Amino acid sequence: MGVSGDEEGARHGPSLTPGGSSKAHKNIEDILLKRAAQVSDNSFGVTYIGRGGSGNFIKMVQNGIEYGDM
């Protein structure tokens, strides 16, 4: 699962991008929602990305963009 948030994530909850089977995601979804950031429109910073390591892949792409900007 990709986890993002820096110091704001440590204080207010991270953005989570879990991957893997949808069945496994459903089993832990309540836990993820309790830990993730809550957005101003009352949604949560959790997005199920898909099978395999896709959540980590999305985080890797995000890091590449972020580091490219720096």
C-alpha atoms as a PDB file:
ATOM      1  CA  MET A   1       0.000   0.000   0.000  1.00  0.00           C
ATOM      2  CA  GLY A   2       1.280   3.436  -0.855  1.00  0.00           C
ATOM      3  CA  VAL A   3       1.259   5.870   2.071  1.00  0.00           C
ATOM      4  CA  SER A   4       1.682   9.612   1.560  1.00  0.00           C
ATOM      5  CA  GLY A   5       1.337  12.635   3.743  1.00  0.00           C
ATOM      6  CA  ASP A   6       4.641  13.877   5.202  1.00  0.00           C
ATOM      7  CA  GLU A   7       4.266  15.825   8.472  1.00  0.00           C
ATOM      8  CA  GLU A   8       0.606  16.663   7.773  1.00  0.00           C
ATOM      9  CA  GLY A   9      -0.116  12.981   7.317  1.00  0.00           C
ATOM     10  CA  ALA A  10       1.542  12.225  10.640  1.00  0.00           C
ATOM     11  CA  ARG A  11      -0.710  14.757  12.359  1.00  0.00           C
ATOM     12  CA  HIS A  12      -3.998  14.365  10.499  1.00  0.00           C
ATOM     13  CA  GLY A  13      -3.816  10.989   8.763  1.00  0.00           C
ATOM     14  CA  PRO A  14      -2.123   9.917   5.546  1.00  0.00           C
ATOM     15  CA  SER A  15      -3.423   9.373   2.052  1.00  0.00           C
ATOM     16  CA  LEU A  16      -3.577   5.617   1.439  1.00  0.00           C
ATOM     17  CA  THR A  17      -3.562   3.781  -1.894  1.00  0.00           C
ATOM     18  CA  PRO A  18      -4.065   0.081  -1.157  1.00  0.00           C
ATOM     19  CA  GLY A  19      -3.692  -2.528  -3.870  1.00  0.00           C
ATOM     20  CA  GLY A  20      -4.207  -6.278  -3.863  1.00  0.00           C
ATOM     21  CA  SER A  21      -7.373  -8.287  -4.106  1.00  0.00           C
ATOM     22  CA  SER A  22     -10.658  -6.453  -3.696  1.00  0.00           C
ATOM     23  CA  LYS A  23     -11.757  -9.122  -1.196  1.00  0.00           C
ATOM     24  CA  ALA A  24      -8.752  -8.399   1.041  1.00  0.00           C
ATOM     25  CA  HIS A  25      -9.399  -4.674   0.713  1.00  0.00           C
ATOM     26  CA  LYS A  26     -12.995  -5.092   1.872  1.00  0.00           C
ATOM     27  CA  ASN A  27     -11.729  -6.962   4.961  1.00  0.00           C
ATOM     28  CA  ILE A  28      -9.533  -4.032   6.078  1.00  0.00           C
ATOM     29  CA  GLU A  29     -11.426  -1.071   4.617  1.00  0.00           C
ATOM     30  CA  ASP A  30     -12.868   0.006   7.999  1.00  0.00           C
ATOM     31  CA  ILE A  31      -9.369   0.075   9.529  1.00  0.00           C
ATOM     32  CA  LEU A  32      -8.001   2.144   6.643  1.00  0.00           C
ATOM     33  CA  LEU A  33     -10.858   4.656   6.855  1.00  0.00           C
ATOM     34  CA  LYS A  34     -10.203   5.180  10.572  1.00  0.00           C
ATOM     35  CA  ARG A  35      -6.495   5.874   9.954  1.00  0.00           C
ATOM     36  CA  ALA A  36      -6.627   7.923   6.749  1.00  0.00           C
ATOM     37  CA  ALA A  37      -6.948  11.663   6.335  1.00  0.00           C
ATOM     38  CA  GLN A  38     -10.461  13.048   6.244  1.00  0.00           C
ATOM     39  CA  VAL A  39     -10.944  15.570   3.462  1.00  0.00           C
ATOM     40  CA  SER A  40     -12.975  18.765   3.843  1.00  0.00           C
ATOM     41  CA  ASP A  41     -15.927  17.318   1.887  1.00  0.00           C
ATOM     42  CA  ASN A  42     -16.170  14.507   4.498  1.00  0.00           C
ATOM     43  CA  SER A  43     -14.587  11.923   2.195  1.00  0.00           C
ATOM     44  CA  PHE A  44     -11.479   9.980   3.169  1.00  0.00           C
ATOM     45  CA  GLY A  45      -7.971   9.787   1.756  1.00  0.00           C
ATOM     46  CA  VAL A  46      -8.276   6.123   0.769  1.00  0.00           C
ATOM     47  CA  THR A  47      -8.512   4.918  -2.813  1.00  0.00           C
ATOM     48  CA  TYR A  48      -8.444   1.251  -3.744  1.00  0.00           C
ATOM     49  CA  ILE A  49      -6.112   1.121  -6.738  1.00  0.00           C
ATOM     50  CA  GLY A  50      -6.308  -2.476  -7.949  1.00  0.00           C
ATOM     51  CA  ARG A  51      -4.640  -5.851  -7.991  1.00  0.00           C
ATOM     52  CA  GLY A  52      -1.007  -6.694  -7.344  1.00  0.00           C
ATOM     53  CA  GLY A  53       1.385  -3.972  -6.290  1.00  0.00           C
ATOM     54  CA  SER A  54      -0.531  -1.200  -7.997  1.00  0.00           C
ATOM     55  CA  GLY A  55      -0.856   0.889  -4.822  1.00  0.00           C
ATOM     56  CA  ASN A  56       2.914   0.945  -4.391  1.00  0.00           C
ATOM     57  CA  PHE A  57       3.359   1.675  -8.105  1.00  0.00           C
ATOM     58  CA  ILE A  58       1.097   4.745  -7.856  1.00  0.00           C
ATOM     59  CA  LYS A  59       3.130   5.993  -4.864  1.00  0.00           C
ATOM     60  CA  MET A  60       6.369   5.453  -6.814  1.00  0.00           C
ATOM     61  CA  VAL A  61       5.027   7.532  -9.728  1.00  0.00           C
ATOM     62  CA  GLN A  62       3.899  10.264  -7.298  1.00  0.00           C
ATOM     63  CA  ASN A  63       7.382  10.333  -5.738  1.00  0.00           C
ATOM     64  CA  GLY A  64       8.974  10.605  -9.181  1.00  0.00           C
ATOM     65  CA  ILE A  65       6.809  13.628 -10.002  1.00  0.00           C
ATOM     66  CA  GLU A  66       7.449  15.217  -6.614  1.00  0.00           C
ATOM     67  CA  TYR A  67      11.226  14.736  -6.804  1.00  0.00           C
ATOM     68  CA  GLY A  68      11.239  15.948 -10.413  1.00  0.00           C
ATOM     69  CA  ASP A  69       9.594  19.177  -9.248  1.00  0.00           C
ATOM     70  CA  MET A  70      12.286  19.676  -6.626  1.00  0.00           C
END
